[in-house]
Amino acid sequence: MSEKYPWFKSYPVYVPHEVDLKKYTSLLDCFDQSIERFRNRPVFQNMDVQITYGELDELANQFCAYLQNNTDLKKGDRIAIQMPNLLQFPVALLGAMKAGLIVVNTNPLYTSEEMKHQFNDSGARAVVILENFASNLEKIVNDTSIDYVITTKIGDLIPGFKGFVVDLVVKYIKKMIPPFNIKGAVNFKKALDKGKGQKFEINEPSREDTAFLQYTGGTTGVSKGAVLSHGNILANVEQGHAWLGSLFKEGEGTIVTALPLYHIFALTVNFIIFFTIGAKNVLITNPRDMKAFMKDLKKNPMEYFTGVNTLFNGMLNQPAFKKVDFSRLVLAAGGGMAVQDVVAKKWYKATGSRLLEGYGLSETSPVVTFNPVNGGERIGSIGLPIPNTHVKLIGEDGNEVPPGAPGEISVKGPQVFKGYWNLPEETKKCFDGDYFLTGDIGTMDEDGYFRIVDRKKEMINVSGFNVYPNEVEKVISEHPKVLEVGVRGVPDEHSSEAVQAYVVKKDDSLTEQEVRDFCREKLTAYKVPKHVVFRDELPKSNVGKILRRLLE
């Protein structure tokens, strides 16, 4: 809440303002305490295979031992993890953290060029990657700082004949693994076997040490690494406990994780917060396969579920959704993009559970605001600031605006990141004193609830993923038949927004399909323009800058 407008006394429900942030000394301490308390409880489940907290600890120790005995990686080195939701993800993450490494979360759908940028920018020396995406890595690995490549198959942690069959189907029947040949690559399962029985030494971090490089476009520009410390993430975990604690039953409960763990929302909320209460986490590898997803939901009655608007909407439109048991559901949380009112109402009617919206960013670990869980929610609002968090709205004149007036959402709190990796000037630009300037425009109601008025300036939100016009424009401008290009977002009923490119031709033979095909070679699918519009000229400022806001 703003220090200038402390509206806590007028809240319709009680919410805590301050909580103790010293419960854990590091994320490893946090994990260790939960492993000790819930050792025999199931912690992760994927494709009907479960591992317990104790088994996860043992597998992570094996991976840590492999890294320490078979590589020259040292504390503070960066390791990229590039895979969808599989049991291997938490094993690799926890093992790397035990070895003292900084985890670089990487979208597995990245193109080779996007991978090269992130690996070189982060200085990652190792990568754990699903074989399905290794052919892209092969193209650029020699142009990066990567020294160690560890590949994993989908079935690596599925025991027995079932794992063999899964890998057989994926490779030879569905043909989902393009051929690749990366010199020196080691299989993840073999790495675990090699680490078994080897000595290792856990590198205990502090709250100030960096835990993750979470790549984001920030408020503008190309992808940048948000430096998140152990303390940043732990603050959000402890804030989450204070906010959601009334819904928790320690050592019980199931959360379904359809959002990818490499995304900051699922990483902090689904993985770490629910790890601390002893919940079982059902990992969904491919939620786009709605039929298989519905089968998983029917087999796993849940207390907790998180998603983005497009996921909730997609689920609601599945005939099998009506057969899912939601009788135990106590929390459905939406983030990453705005939850539409119509979706929230349909969700409540179908499940009997309120769909609560929150707000956050990679730079804030991520949660900043959330609707109350004890009856004070407000549809269309992103809720109230969570404990130890101050939010104020800054007008164009640089001053704080009063309730009802729009302003840039600015955040101060222990979950706010340390800055952008190796970009001190970019970091300086996005802070006003202790307040992080999000670039999002919002308003505050008289009783302290916040609302999003507009997304980050010129940023496009496609199903909860950020698309930055500069990046798309750069790619399209490289096409030999393109003279000029401008990119902006347009409303889309399926994905909140869609990418639309406005192109001035250099060669009249250029077609929409040519532009899209060219983009697919260099950009992840969700960044490829859904619409391509040709124009004779584009609106420009007096210095020749294309004015995206005037593109029509």
Protein backbone atom coordinates (compact mmCIF):
# COMPACT_ATOMS: atom_id res chain seq x y z
CA MET A 1 0.00 0.00 0.00
CA SER A 2 1.15 3.51 -0.63
CA GLU A 3 2.82 5.21 2.31
CA LYS A 4 0.96 8.38 1.37
CA TYR A 5 -2.47 6.71 1.21
CA PRO A 6 -2.55 3.98 3.93
CA TRP A 7 -6.08 2.67 3.36
CA PHE A 8 -5.78 -0.37 5.63
CA LYS A 9 -8.40 0.86 8.12
CA SER A 10 -11.05 0.99 5.38
CA TYR A 11 -10.44 -2.52 4.05
CA PRO A 12 -13.63 -4.61 4.04
CA VAL A 13 -11.62 -7.56 5.40
CA TYR A 14 -8.55 -7.92 7.60
CA VAL A 15 -5.28 -8.44 5.77
CA PRO A 16 -1.84 -8.49 7.41
CA HIS A 17 0.43 -5.55 6.73
CA GLU A 18 3.76 -6.80 8.04
CA VAL A 19 5.16 -10.31 8.49
CA ASP A 20 8.47 -11.67 9.79
CA LEU A 21 10.82 -12.35 6.88
CA LYS A 22 13.55 -14.22 8.77
CA LYS A 23 12.14 -17.73 8.94
CA TYR A 24 14.65 -19.16 6.45
CA THR A 25 18.32 -18.38 5.84
CA SER A 26 18.18 -19.45 2.16
CA LEU A 27 16.05 -21.39 -0.29
CA LEU A 28 18.11 -24.49 0.55
CA ASP A 29 17.22 -24.01 4.22
CA CYS A 30 13.58 -23.68 3.17
CA PHE A 31 13.72 -26.87 1.10
CA ASP A 32 15.62 -28.79 3.78
CA GLN A 33 13.09 -27.95 6.48
CA SER A 34 10.22 -29.22 4.32
CA ILE A 35 12.12 -32.36 3.30
CA GLU A 36 12.78 -33.14 6.96
CA ARG A 37 9.12 -32.68 7.94
CA PHE A 38 7.49 -34.36 4.95
CA ARG A 39 10.12 -36.89 3.86
CA ASN A 40 7.66 -39.69 3.13
CA ARG A 41 4.97 -37.52 1.57
CA PRO A 42 4.61 -37.40 -2.23
CA VAL A 43 5.97 -34.08 -3.49
CA PHE A 44 5.77 -34.23 -7.31
CA GLN A 45 3.72 -36.34 -9.68
CA ASN A 46 3.99 -36.46 -13.45
CA MET A 47 2.45 -38.95 -15.87
CA ASP A 48 1.10 -40.89 -12.86
CA VAL A 49 4.59 -41.33 -11.38
CA GLN A 50 5.19 -39.92 -7.89
CA ILE A 51 8.34 -39.11 -5.99
CA THR A 52 8.45 -38.27 -2.28
CA TYR A 53 10.21 -35.36 -0.61
CA GLY A 54 12.92 -37.79 0.50
CA GLU A 55 13.35 -39.26 -2.98
CA LEU A 56 13.62 -35.78 -4.47
CA ASP A 57 16.33 -34.96 -1.94
CA GLU A 58 18.29 -38.10 -2.84
CA LEU A 59 18.03 -37.48 -6.60
CA ALA A 60 19.07 -33.85 -6.12
CA ASN A 61 22.08 -34.99 -4.07
CA GLN A 62 23.07 -37.31 -6.92
CA PHE A 63 22.85 -34.49 -9.42
CA CYS A 64 24.82 -32.18 -7.12
CA ALA A 65 27.50 -34.86 -6.76
CA TYR A 66 27.67 -35.32 -10.52
CA LEU A 67 28.16 -31.58 -11.08
CA GLN A 68 30.86 -31.32 -8.43
CA ASN A 69 32.82 -34.42 -9.43
CA ASN A 70 32.50 -34.40 -13.20
CA THR A 71 32.61 -30.71 -14.12
CA ASP A 72 34.62 -27.68 -13.05
CA LEU A 73 31.50 -25.66 -12.29
CA LYS A 74 31.92 -23.58 -9.17
CA LYS A 75 29.70 -21.55 -6.85
CA GLY A 76 28.09 -18.65 -8.68
CA ASP A 77 28.33 -20.22 -12.14
CA ARG A 78 25.11 -20.25 -14.14
CA ILE A 79 23.24 -23.35 -15.31
CA ALA A 80 20.26 -23.17 -17.65
CA ILE A 81 17.27 -25.48 -17.21
CA GLN A 82 15.28 -25.82 -20.42
CA MET A 83 12.35 -28.21 -20.23
CA PRO A 84 8.58 -28.35 -19.69
CA ASN A 85 7.02 -29.66 -16.48
CA LEU A 86 8.73 -32.98 -15.82
CA LEU A 87 10.05 -34.62 -12.65
CA GLN A 88 13.54 -33.79 -13.91
CA PHE A 89 12.91 -30.05 -13.44
CA PRO A 90 12.79 -29.93 -9.61
CA VAL A 91 15.61 -32.49 -9.41
CA ALA A 92 17.87 -30.39 -11.63
CA LEU A 93 16.92 -27.15 -9.87
CA LEU A 94 17.49 -28.43 -6.34
CA GLY A 95 20.67 -30.29 -7.31
CA ALA A 96 22.12 -27.23 -9.02
CA MET A 97 21.25 -25.07 -6.03
CA LYS A 98 22.96 -27.53 -3.66
CA ALA A 99 26.06 -27.23 -5.85
CA GLY A 100 25.98 -23.45 -5.44
CA LEU A 101 24.94 -22.66 -9.00
CA ILE A 102 22.62 -19.90 -10.21
CA VAL A 103 19.66 -21.24 -12.18
CA VAL A 104 18.76 -19.62 -15.51
CA ASN A 105 15.17 -20.57 -16.33
CA THR A 106 14.82 -20.98 -20.10
CA ASN A 107 11.73 -21.41 -22.23
CA PRO A 108 12.10 -24.74 -24.09
CA LEU A 109 10.24 -23.30 -27.09
CA TYR A 110 12.93 -20.71 -27.75
CA THR A 111 14.50 -20.64 -31.19
CA SER A 112 18.23 -21.08 -31.59
CA GLU A 113 18.78 -17.33 -31.79
CA GLU A 114 16.77 -16.70 -28.61
CA MET A 115 18.70 -19.42 -26.82
CA LYS A 116 22.01 -17.96 -27.95
CA HIS A 117 21.09 -14.51 -26.64
CA GLN A 118 20.02 -15.81 -23.24
CA PHE A 119 22.95 -18.17 -22.77
CA ASN A 120 25.53 -15.59 -23.81
CA ASP A 121 23.91 -12.80 -21.82
CA SER A 122 23.75 -14.92 -18.66
CA GLY A 123 27.15 -16.51 -19.22
CA ALA A 124 25.59 -19.92 -18.62
CA ARG A 125 28.24 -22.66 -18.59
CA ALA A 126 25.89 -25.62 -18.45
CA VAL A 127 22.41 -26.52 -19.67
CA VAL A 128 19.96 -29.28 -18.82
CA ILE A 129 17.71 -29.61 -21.85
CA LEU A 130 14.94 -31.94 -23.01
CA GLU A 131 16.07 -33.92 -26.08
CA ASN A 132 13.05 -32.65 -28.03
CA PHE A 133 14.73 -29.22 -28.22
CA ALA A 134 18.39 -30.25 -28.45
CA SER A 135 18.57 -29.81 -32.24
CA ASN A 136 18.12 -26.06 -31.74
CA LEU A 137 20.89 -26.06 -29.17
CA GLU A 138 23.21 -27.90 -31.54
CA LYS A 139 22.99 -25.01 -34.02
CA ILE A 140 24.38 -22.43 -31.61
CA VAL A 141 26.13 -24.23 -28.75
CA ASN A 142 29.60 -23.52 -30.16
CA ASP A 143 28.76 -19.81 -30.26
CA THR A 144 27.91 -19.69 -26.54
CA SER A 145 29.65 -20.02 -23.20
CA ILE A 146 28.08 -23.48 -22.66
CA ASP A 147 30.70 -26.06 -21.64
CA TYR A 148 28.42 -28.84 -20.38
CA VAL A 149 25.27 -30.18 -22.02
CA ILE A 150 23.02 -32.59 -20.14
CA THR A 151 20.13 -33.95 -22.18
CA THR A 152 17.08 -35.67 -20.78
CA LYS A 153 14.35 -37.86 -22.24
CA ILE A 154 10.71 -37.46 -21.19
CA GLY A 155 10.78 -40.94 -19.65
CA ASP A 156 14.08 -40.64 -17.77
CA LEU A 157 12.42 -40.65 -14.33
CA ILE A 158 9.53 -42.94 -15.28
CA PRO A 159 10.62 -46.32 -13.91
CA GLY A 160 10.66 -49.63 -15.70
CA PHE A 161 9.01 -50.62 -18.95
CA LYS A 162 6.65 -47.61 -18.94
CA GLY A 163 9.52 -45.15 -19.25
CA PHE A 164 10.98 -47.17 -22.13
CA VAL A 165 7.62 -47.16 -23.94
CA VAL A 166 7.11 -43.42 -23.41
CA ASP A 167 10.50 -42.64 -24.95
CA LEU A 168 9.88 -45.09 -27.80
CA VAL A 169 6.56 -43.45 -28.68
CA VAL A 170 7.94 -39.92 -28.42
CA LYS A 171 10.94 -40.63 -30.64
CA TYR A 172 9.77 -43.15 -33.21
CA ILE A 173 5.98 -42.92 -33.41
CA LYS A 174 5.26 -39.26 -32.70
CA LYS A 175 8.69 -38.28 -34.07
CA MET A 176 9.00 -35.40 -31.61
CA ILE A 177 12.81 -35.48 -31.36
CA PRO A 178 14.63 -33.98 -34.35
CA PRO A 179 18.08 -35.56 -34.87
CA PHE A 180 20.94 -33.88 -33.05
CA ASN A 181 24.59 -34.50 -32.29
CA ILE A 182 26.17 -32.45 -29.54
CA LYS A 183 29.72 -33.48 -28.74
CA GLY A 184 30.19 -34.40 -25.09
CA ALA A 185 26.49 -34.31 -24.18
CA VAL A 186 25.58 -36.51 -21.22
CA ASN A 187 22.21 -38.09 -20.50
CA PHE A 188 20.52 -36.84 -17.31
CA LYS A 189 19.71 -40.34 -16.05
CA LYS A 190 23.30 -41.45 -16.57
CA ALA A 191 24.50 -38.33 -14.77
CA LEU A 192 22.34 -39.27 -11.76
CA ASP A 193 23.71 -42.83 -11.83
CA LYS A 194 27.27 -41.49 -11.95
CA GLY A 195 26.62 -39.12 -9.06
CA LYS A 196 25.17 -41.89 -6.88
CA GLY A 197 27.64 -42.67 -4.12
CA GLN A 198 30.02 -39.83 -5.05
CA LYS A 199 30.95 -37.36 -2.35
CA PHE A 200 29.55 -33.84 -2.51
CA GLU A 201 29.58 -30.69 -0.43
CA ILE A 202 26.52 -28.47 -0.20
CA ASN A 203 27.33 -24.82 -0.86
CA GLU A 204 25.16 -23.01 1.67
CA PRO A 205 23.98 -19.69 0.22
CA SER A 206 22.78 -16.60 2.07
CA ARG A 207 19.60 -14.62 1.54
CA GLU A 208 21.65 -12.05 -0.38
CA ASP A 209 23.07 -14.56 -2.87
CA THR A 210 21.54 -14.78 -6.35
CA ALA A 211 19.24 -17.76 -6.83
CA PHE A 212 17.79 -17.20 -10.32
CA LEU A 213 18.25 -15.19 -13.46
CA GLN A 214 14.66 -14.82 -14.64
CA TYR A 215 14.64 -13.49 -18.17
CA THR A 216 12.10 -10.84 -19.06
CA GLY A 217 11.80 -7.87 -21.34
CA GLY A 218 11.46 -5.68 -18.25
CA THR A 219 9.45 -2.57 -19.06
CA THR A 220 10.92 -2.16 -22.56
CA GLY A 221 13.35 -3.69 -24.99
CA VAL A 222 14.95 -7.08 -25.49
CA SER A 223 15.13 -9.90 -22.98
CA LYS A 224 17.04 -9.04 -19.79
CA GLY A 225 17.94 -11.18 -16.79
CA ALA A 226 16.16 -10.15 -13.60
CA VAL A 227 18.51 -10.97 -10.72
CA LEU A 228 16.45 -12.65 -8.00
CA SER A 229 18.14 -13.39 -4.70
CA HIS A 230 17.26 -16.15 -2.24
CA GLY A 231 15.86 -13.37 -0.05
CA ASN A 232 13.63 -12.03 -2.84
CA ILE A 233 11.99 -15.41 -3.44
CA LEU A 234 11.78 -16.24 0.27
CA ALA A 235 10.09 -12.91 0.97
CA ASN A 236 7.39 -13.75 -1.56
CA VAL A 237 7.03 -17.23 -0.05
CA GLU A 238 6.56 -15.82 3.44
CA GLN A 239 4.23 -13.11 2.13
CA GLY A 240 2.23 -15.84 0.41
CA HIS A 241 1.94 -17.79 3.66
CA ALA A 242 0.63 -14.71 5.44
CA TRP A 243 -1.92 -14.08 2.71
CA LEU A 244 -3.06 -17.65 1.95
CA GLY A 245 -2.28 -19.40 5.22
CA SER A 246 -5.90 -19.86 6.25
CA LEU A 247 -6.35 -22.17 3.25
CA PHE A 248 -3.36 -24.39 4.06
CA LYS A 249 -3.37 -27.70 5.92
CA GLU A 250 0.20 -28.78 6.53
CA GLY A 251 1.11 -32.19 5.18
CA GLU A 252 -2.03 -32.35 3.08
CA GLY A 253 -3.42 -31.11 -0.22
CA THR A 254 -2.77 -31.32 -3.94
CA ILE A 255 -1.94 -28.51 -6.34
CA VAL A 256 -2.17 -28.98 -10.09
CA THR A 257 0.56 -27.15 -12.01
CA ALA A 258 -0.30 -26.58 -15.63
CA LEU A 259 1.76 -23.38 -15.85
CA PRO A 260 5.42 -24.04 -16.76
CA LEU A 261 7.83 -24.11 -13.83
CA TYR A 262 10.29 -21.96 -15.78
CA HIS A 263 7.72 -19.13 -15.47
CA ILE A 264 8.16 -17.09 -12.28
CA PHE A 265 4.48 -17.47 -11.24
CA ALA A 266 4.61 -21.28 -11.18
CA LEU A 267 8.17 -21.32 -9.85
CA THR A 268 7.46 -19.31 -6.70
CA VAL A 269 3.78 -20.02 -6.07
CA ASN A 270 3.22 -23.57 -7.29
CA PHE A 271 6.64 -25.03 -6.65
CA ILE A 272 8.12 -23.30 -3.63
CA ILE A 273 5.14 -22.05 -1.58
CA PHE A 274 3.32 -25.36 -1.78
CA PHE A 275 6.57 -27.26 -1.18
CA THR A 276 6.73 -25.59 2.23
CA ILE A 277 3.34 -26.95 3.34
CA GLY A 278 3.92 -30.55 2.30
CA ALA A 279 1.50 -30.50 -0.64
CA LYS A 280 1.64 -32.86 -3.60
CA ASN A 281 2.33 -31.08 -6.89
CA VAL A 282 0.82 -32.66 -10.03
CA LEU A 283 2.90 -31.48 -12.98
CA ILE A 284 1.15 -31.16 -16.33
CA THR A 285 3.68 -31.43 -19.16
CA ASN A 286 1.44 -30.29 -22.01
CA PRO A 287 -1.77 -28.52 -20.96
CA ARG A 288 -2.47 -27.69 -24.61
CA ASP A 289 -3.44 -31.34 -25.05
CA MET A 290 -6.77 -30.61 -23.39
CA LYS A 291 -8.13 -34.16 -23.60
CA ALA A 292 -5.14 -35.61 -21.76
CA PHE A 293 -5.19 -32.65 -19.35
CA MET A 294 -8.83 -33.32 -18.46
CA LYS A 295 -7.97 -36.97 -17.77
CA ASP A 296 -5.24 -35.86 -15.35
CA LEU A 297 -7.67 -33.52 -13.59
CA LYS A 298 -10.28 -36.27 -13.22
CA LYS A 299 -7.68 -38.59 -11.65
CA ASN A 300 -6.36 -35.94 -9.26
CA PRO A 301 -8.93 -34.08 -7.13
CA MET A 302 -7.22 -30.90 -5.99
CA GLU A 303 -7.36 -28.23 -3.32
CA TYR A 304 -5.34 -25.67 -5.28
CA PHE A 305 -5.08 -24.62 -8.92
CA THR A 306 -3.35 -21.75 -10.70
CA GLY A 307 -3.53 -20.57 -14.29
CA VAL A 308 -3.91 -17.73 -16.74
CA ASN A 309 -7.12 -16.50 -18.31
CA THR A 310 -6.67 -18.42 -21.55
CA LEU A 311 -6.13 -21.68 -19.65
CA PHE A 312 -9.24 -21.21 -17.52
CA ASN A 313 -11.24 -20.30 -20.61
CA GLY A 314 -9.96 -23.30 -22.54
CA MET A 315 -10.82 -25.65 -19.69
CA LEU A 316 -14.33 -24.26 -19.38
CA ASN A 317 -14.94 -25.02 -23.04
CA GLN A 318 -14.05 -28.69 -22.70
CA PRO A 319 -17.04 -31.08 -22.42
CA ALA A 320 -15.02 -33.28 -20.02
CA PHE A 321 -14.56 -30.33 -17.64
CA LYS A 322 -18.03 -31.00 -16.23
CA LYS A 323 -16.83 -34.40 -15.00
CA VAL A 324 -13.90 -33.03 -12.99
CA ASP A 325 -14.32 -33.15 -9.21
CA PHE A 326 -13.83 -29.66 -7.77
CA SER A 327 -15.46 -30.39 -4.41
CA ARG A 328 -12.11 -30.02 -2.60
CA LEU A 329 -10.98 -26.87 -4.44
CA VAL A 330 -10.32 -24.00 -2.03
CA LEU A 331 -8.08 -21.76 -4.16
CA ALA A 332 -8.09 -20.95 -7.86
CA ALA A 333 -5.60 -18.20 -8.60
CA GLY A 334 -5.16 -16.29 -11.85
CA GLY A 335 -2.16 -14.23 -12.90
CA GLY A 336 0.21 -13.57 -15.78
CA MET A 337 -2.53 -11.69 -17.64
CA ALA A 338 -5.87 -10.12 -16.81
CA VAL A 339 -8.61 -12.51 -15.77
CA GLN A 340 -11.70 -11.58 -17.74
CA ASP A 341 -14.90 -11.02 -15.75
CA VAL A 342 -16.89 -13.44 -17.87
CA VAL A 343 -14.33 -16.20 -17.28
CA ALA A 344 -14.28 -15.61 -13.51
CA LYS A 345 -18.08 -15.84 -13.38
CA LYS A 346 -18.22 -19.00 -15.51
CA TRP A 347 -15.50 -20.58 -13.36
CA TYR A 348 -17.42 -19.91 -10.16
CA LYS A 349 -20.63 -21.29 -11.65
CA ALA A 350 -18.87 -24.45 -12.86
CA THR A 351 -16.67 -25.17 -9.84
CA GLY A 352 -18.21 -23.33 -6.88
CA SER A 353 -14.78 -21.82 -6.22
CA ARG A 354 -13.91 -18.16 -6.64
CA LEU A 355 -11.26 -17.33 -9.24
CA LEU A 356 -9.00 -14.82 -7.51
CA GLU A 357 -6.77 -12.48 -9.48
CA GLY A 358 -3.39 -11.15 -8.52
CA TYR A 359 -0.62 -9.09 -10.08
CA GLY A 360 3.11 -9.46 -10.28
CA LEU A 361 6.19 -9.45 -12.48
CA SER A 362 9.41 -11.40 -12.87
CA GLU A 363 11.16 -8.45 -11.22
CA THR A 364 8.99 -8.83 -8.09
CA SER A 365 9.44 -12.57 -7.55
CA PRO A 366 6.48 -12.24 -8.65
CA VAL A 367 3.49 -11.36 -6.45
CA VAL A 368 2.74 -7.70 -5.63
CA THR A 369 -1.03 -7.69 -5.08
CA PHE A 370 -3.69 -10.34 -4.64
CA ASN A 371 -7.36 -10.46 -3.82
CA PRO A 372 -8.25 -11.46 -0.24
CA VAL A 373 -9.07 -15.15 0.22
CA ASN A 374 -11.53 -14.58 3.07
CA GLY A 375 -14.44 -13.08 1.17
CA GLY A 376 -13.21 -9.64 0.19
CA GLU A 377 -12.39 -10.38 -3.44
CA ARG A 378 -13.40 -7.95 -6.15
CA ILE A 379 -13.85 -9.13 -9.74
CA GLY A 380 -11.91 -6.97 -12.17
CA SER A 381 -9.42 -5.90 -9.52
CA ILE A 382 -5.89 -7.19 -9.00
CA GLY A 383 -6.52 -6.91 -5.27
CA LEU A 384 -4.56 -5.39 -2.42
CA PRO A 385 -0.81 -5.18 -1.78
CA ILE A 386 0.50 -8.24 0.04
CA PRO A 387 2.34 -7.82 3.38
CA ASN A 388 5.52 -5.72 3.55
CA THR A 389 4.69 -4.26 0.14
CA HIS A 390 4.10 -0.62 -0.73
CA VAL A 391 2.47 0.28 -4.04
CA LYS A 392 2.00 3.80 -5.33
CA LEU A 393 0.85 5.24 -8.63
CA ILE A 394 3.07 7.85 -10.28
CA GLY A 395 1.55 10.37 -12.68
CA GLU A 396 3.20 11.84 -15.75
CA ASP A 397 4.47 14.75 -13.64
CA GLY A 398 6.39 12.34 -11.41
CA ASN A 399 4.11 12.82 -8.40
CA GLU A 400 1.88 10.29 -6.69
CA VAL A 401 -1.72 10.43 -7.89
CA PRO A 402 -4.81 10.22 -5.64
CA PRO A 403 -7.34 7.35 -5.68
CA GLY A 404 -9.20 7.02 -8.97
CA ALA A 405 -6.51 8.67 -11.09
CA PRO A 406 -4.30 6.60 -13.41
CA GLY A 407 -0.59 6.33 -12.78
CA GLU A 408 2.37 4.03 -13.27
CA ILE A 409 2.34 1.17 -10.75
CA SER A 410 5.48 1.45 -8.61
CA VAL A 411 6.47 -1.14 -6.03
CA LYS A 412 8.68 -1.25 -2.95
CA GLY A 413 9.15 -4.43 -0.96
CA PRO A 414 11.58 -7.24 -0.06
CA GLN A 415 10.49 -9.26 -3.10
CA VAL A 416 11.69 -6.57 -5.56
CA PHE A 417 14.69 -7.76 -7.58
CA LYS A 418 18.29 -6.61 -7.24
CA GLY A 419 18.48 -5.32 -10.82
CA TYR A 420 19.07 -6.51 -14.38
CA TRP A 421 22.05 -8.79 -14.97
CA ASN A 422 25.06 -6.72 -16.10
CA LEU A 423 22.84 -3.75 -17.01
CA PRO A 424 23.40 -1.06 -14.37
CA GLU A 425 22.01 1.74 -16.56
CA GLU A 426 18.83 -0.20 -17.37
CA THR A 427 18.46 -0.96 -13.66
CA LYS A 428 18.86 2.69 -12.73
CA LYS A 429 16.17 3.75 -15.23
CA CYS A 430 13.52 1.48 -13.73
CA PHE A 431 13.84 2.70 -10.14
CA ASP A 432 12.57 5.86 -8.47
CA GLY A 433 14.41 5.70 -5.18
CA ASP A 434 13.39 2.38 -3.59
CA TYR A 435 10.39 1.99 -5.88
CA PHE A 436 10.50 -0.23 -8.96
CA LEU A 437 8.70 1.39 -11.90
CA THR A 438 6.71 -1.41 -13.53
CA GLY A 439 5.63 0.45 -16.67
CA ASP A 440 2.04 -0.73 -16.04
CA ILE A 441 -0.70 1.85 -15.65
CA GLY A 442 -3.26 1.33 -12.92
CA THR A 443 -5.75 3.00 -10.63
CA MET A 444 -6.55 2.59 -6.95
CA ASP A 445 -10.09 2.51 -5.56
CA GLU A 446 -10.99 4.56 -2.49
CA ASP A 447 -10.63 1.49 -0.28
CA GLY A 448 -7.21 0.46 -1.59
CA TYR A 449 -7.99 -2.08 -4.31
CA PHE A 450 -5.87 -1.74 -7.45
CA ARG A 451 -6.86 -2.19 -11.07
CA ILE A 452 -4.84 -2.43 -14.29
CA VAL A 453 -5.77 0.27 -16.78
CA ASP A 454 -3.25 -0.51 -19.48
CA ARG A 455 -0.44 -2.96 -20.05
CA LYS A 456 3.19 -1.97 -20.20
CA LYS A 457 3.75 0.65 -22.83
CA GLU A 458 3.77 -1.03 -26.22
CA MET A 459 4.32 -4.49 -24.71
CA ILE A 460 2.06 -7.23 -26.10
CA ASN A 461 0.61 -9.87 -23.77
CA VAL A 462 -0.04 -13.17 -25.56
CA SER A 463 -1.60 -15.69 -23.17
CA GLY A 464 0.46 -14.36 -20.27
CA PHE A 465 3.77 -14.21 -22.17
CA ASN A 466 5.44 -10.90 -22.96
CA VAL A 467 6.14 -10.01 -26.59
CA TYR A 468 8.19 -6.90 -27.23
CA PRO A 469 7.66 -5.07 -30.53
CA ASN A 470 11.37 -4.20 -30.91
CA GLU A 471 12.31 -7.87 -31.13
CA VAL A 472 9.65 -8.74 -33.72
CA GLU A 473 10.37 -5.60 -35.76
CA LYS A 474 14.07 -6.43 -35.82
CA VAL A 475 13.38 -9.86 -37.29
CA ILE A 476 10.87 -8.66 -39.92
CA SER A 477 13.12 -5.79 -40.96
CA GLU A 478 15.77 -8.36 -41.93
CA HIS A 479 13.51 -9.69 -44.69
CA PRO A 480 14.89 -8.45 -48.03
CA LYS A 481 11.42 -7.51 -49.30
CA VAL A 482 10.58 -5.29 -46.29
CA LEU A 483 11.12 -1.55 -46.30
CA GLU A 484 9.65 -0.57 -42.93
CA VAL A 485 7.79 -2.33 -40.16
CA GLY A 486 5.92 -1.47 -36.99
CA VAL A 487 4.42 -3.95 -34.53
CA ARG A 488 1.69 -3.60 -31.93
CA GLY A 489 -0.82 -5.73 -30.06
CA VAL A 490 -4.47 -6.03 -31.01
CA PRO A 491 -7.31 -7.57 -28.96
CA ASP A 492 -7.78 -11.30 -29.43
CA GLU A 493 -10.56 -13.39 -27.88
CA HIS A 494 -8.35 -16.46 -27.54
CA SER A 495 -5.07 -15.04 -26.26
CA SER A 496 -5.92 -11.64 -24.75
CA GLU A 497 -3.78 -9.94 -27.39
CA ALA A 498 -2.31 -10.93 -30.74
CA VAL A 499 0.78 -9.63 -32.51
CA GLN A 500 -0.03 -7.49 -35.57
CA ALA A 501 2.68 -6.31 -37.95
CA TYR A 502 2.33 -3.28 -40.21
CA VAL A 503 4.67 -3.60 -43.18
CA VAL A 504 5.74 -1.28 -45.99
CA LYS A 505 6.92 -3.40 -48.89
CA LYS A 506 10.22 -3.02 -50.68
CA ASP A 507 9.14 -5.65 -53.21
CA ASP A 508 5.49 -5.84 -54.28
CA SER A 509 5.61 -9.63 -54.42
CA LEU A 510 5.87 -9.90 -50.60
CA THR A 511 2.96 -11.82 -49.03
CA GLU A 512 1.60 -12.19 -45.50
CA GLN A 513 2.62 -15.84 -45.45
CA GLU A 514 6.20 -14.99 -46.39
CA VAL A 515 6.44 -12.63 -43.43
CA ARG A 516 5.05 -15.21 -41.00
CA ASP A 517 7.25 -18.01 -42.35
CA PHE A 518 10.31 -15.78 -42.03
CA CYS A 519 9.41 -15.01 -38.41
CA ARG A 520 8.89 -18.68 -37.53
CA GLU A 521 12.54 -19.35 -38.35
CA LYS A 522 13.73 -16.85 -35.74
CA LEU A 523 10.98 -16.44 -33.15
CA THR A 524 9.04 -18.58 -30.70
CA ALA A 525 5.54 -19.35 -32.00
CA TYR A 526 3.69 -16.93 -29.70
CA LYS A 527 5.85 -14.02 -30.97
CA VAL A 528 5.05 -14.67 -34.65
CA PRO A 529 2.55 -12.08 -35.98
CA LYS A 530 -0.97 -13.47 -36.20
CA HIS A 531 -1.89 -10.60 -38.52
CA VAL A 532 0.19 -8.88 -41.19
CA VAL A 533 -1.13 -5.62 -42.65
CA PHE A 534 0.50 -3.85 -45.59
CA ARG A 535 0.62 -0.05 -45.68
CA ASP A 536 2.06 2.53 -48.07
CA GLU A 537 3.63 4.40 -45.15
CA LEU A 538 3.80 4.30 -41.36
CA PRO A 539 3.15 7.18 -38.94
CA LYS A 540 6.34 8.76 -37.65
CA SER A 541 7.49 11.45 -35.23
CA ASN A 542 9.38 14.51 -36.37
CA VAL A 543 12.65 12.65 -35.87
CA GLY A 544 11.52 9.66 -37.93
CA LYS A 545 10.56 7.28 -35.13
CA ILE A 546 7.64 5.01 -35.99
CA LEU A 547 4.70 5.83 -33.70
CA ARG A 548 3.28 2.45 -32.78
CA ARG A 549 0.32 3.94 -30.95
CA LEU A 550 -0.89 5.44 -34.24
CA LEU A 551 -0.63 2.23 -36.27
CA GLU A 552 -4.04 1.34 -37.69
